[in-house]
Amino acid sequence: MYREGLVSRLRKARNDTGFTQREVAEETGIPNSTLANYETGRTEPNIENLGILADFYGVSIDWLIGTKGQNKPK
């Protein structure tokens, strides 16, 4: 559930900002092949790269992974 959401949201965030994978790679320092693997679901970003991508695209990590992001534990 979360994996499919992450894949589609990473792709959506990139498309919505109008960047190519190559441009994102150049701006973030994350290799193009790594970005491609994230967007196809072959691999998942580590926490560092997840944060870099969230900041770059101007979205929250919660949005990227598809959680509600509640601040308080239940």
Protein backbone atom coordinates (compact mmCIF):
# COMPACT_ATOMS: atom_id res chain seq x y z
CA MET A 1 0.00 0.00 0.00
CA TYR A 2 2.61 2.56 1.04
CA ARG A 3 5.17 1.37 -1.49
CA GLU A 4 2.84 1.91 -4.47
CA GLY A 5 1.87 5.31 -3.08
CA LEU A 6 5.49 6.35 -2.73
CA VAL A 7 6.29 5.34 -6.29
CA SER A 8 3.35 7.24 -7.79
CA ARG A 9 3.80 10.30 -5.55
CA LEU A 10 7.49 10.62 -6.33
CA ARG A 11 6.66 10.57 -10.02
CA LYS A 12 3.73 12.99 -9.52
CA ALA A 13 5.85 15.43 -7.51
CA ARG A 14 8.52 15.46 -10.21
CA ASN A 15 6.02 15.87 -13.03
CA ASP A 16 4.10 18.58 -11.17
CA THR A 17 7.30 20.60 -10.73
CA GLY A 18 8.24 20.12 -14.39
CA PHE A 19 11.64 18.55 -13.83
CA THR A 20 13.17 15.62 -15.65
CA GLN A 21 14.90 12.90 -13.65
CA ARG A 22 18.22 14.18 -14.96
CA GLU A 23 17.49 17.70 -13.71
CA VAL A 24 16.45 16.38 -10.29
CA ALA A 25 19.66 14.36 -10.15
CA GLU A 26 21.76 17.42 -10.94
CA GLU A 27 19.99 19.58 -8.34
CA THR A 28 19.85 17.04 -5.52
CA GLY A 29 23.03 15.03 -6.05
CA ILE A 30 21.01 11.80 -6.14
CA PRO A 31 22.12 9.76 -9.18
CA ASN A 32 19.67 9.60 -12.07
CA SER A 33 19.68 5.79 -11.99
CA THR A 34 18.75 5.87 -8.30
CA LEU A 35 15.84 8.23 -8.98
CA ALA A 36 14.66 5.94 -11.77
CA ASN A 37 14.76 2.98 -9.40
CA TYR A 38 12.70 4.91 -6.84
CA GLU A 39 10.08 5.83 -9.43
CA THR A 40 9.74 2.25 -10.67
CA GLY A 41 9.65 0.73 -7.19
CA ARG A 42 12.85 -1.29 -7.62
CA THR A 43 14.34 0.38 -4.56
CA GLU A 44 13.15 2.75 -1.85
CA PRO A 45 14.84 5.96 -0.77
CA ASN A 46 16.70 5.98 2.52
CA ILE A 47 15.62 8.60 5.06
CA GLU A 48 18.27 11.08 3.88
CA ASN A 49 17.21 10.94 0.23
CA LEU A 50 13.54 10.95 1.19
CA GLY A 51 14.12 14.21 3.05
CA ILE A 52 16.12 15.70 0.18
CA LEU A 53 13.37 14.87 -2.30
CA ALA A 54 10.57 16.15 -0.05
CA ASP A 55 12.42 19.46 0.40
CA PHE A 56 13.25 19.71 -3.29
CA TYR A 57 9.65 19.12 -4.39
CA GLY A 58 8.19 21.24 -1.59
CA VAL A 59 6.06 18.44 -0.15
CA SER A 60 5.99 16.66 3.19
CA ILE A 61 7.42 13.23 3.76
CA ASP A 62 3.97 12.26 5.05
CA TRP A 63 2.49 13.15 1.68
CA LEU A 64 5.20 11.26 -0.21
CA ILE A 65 4.66 8.03 1.71
CA GLY A 66 0.90 8.45 2.03
CA THR A 67 0.46 8.72 5.79
CA LYS A 68 -1.83 11.10 7.64
CA GLY A 69 1.03 12.58 9.63
CA GLN A 70 -0.69 12.94 12.97
CA ASN A 71 1.53 14.57 15.57
CA LYS A 72 0.23 12.71 18.63
CA PRO A 73 0.43 8.98 19.28
CA LYS A 74 -2.93 7.33 19.76
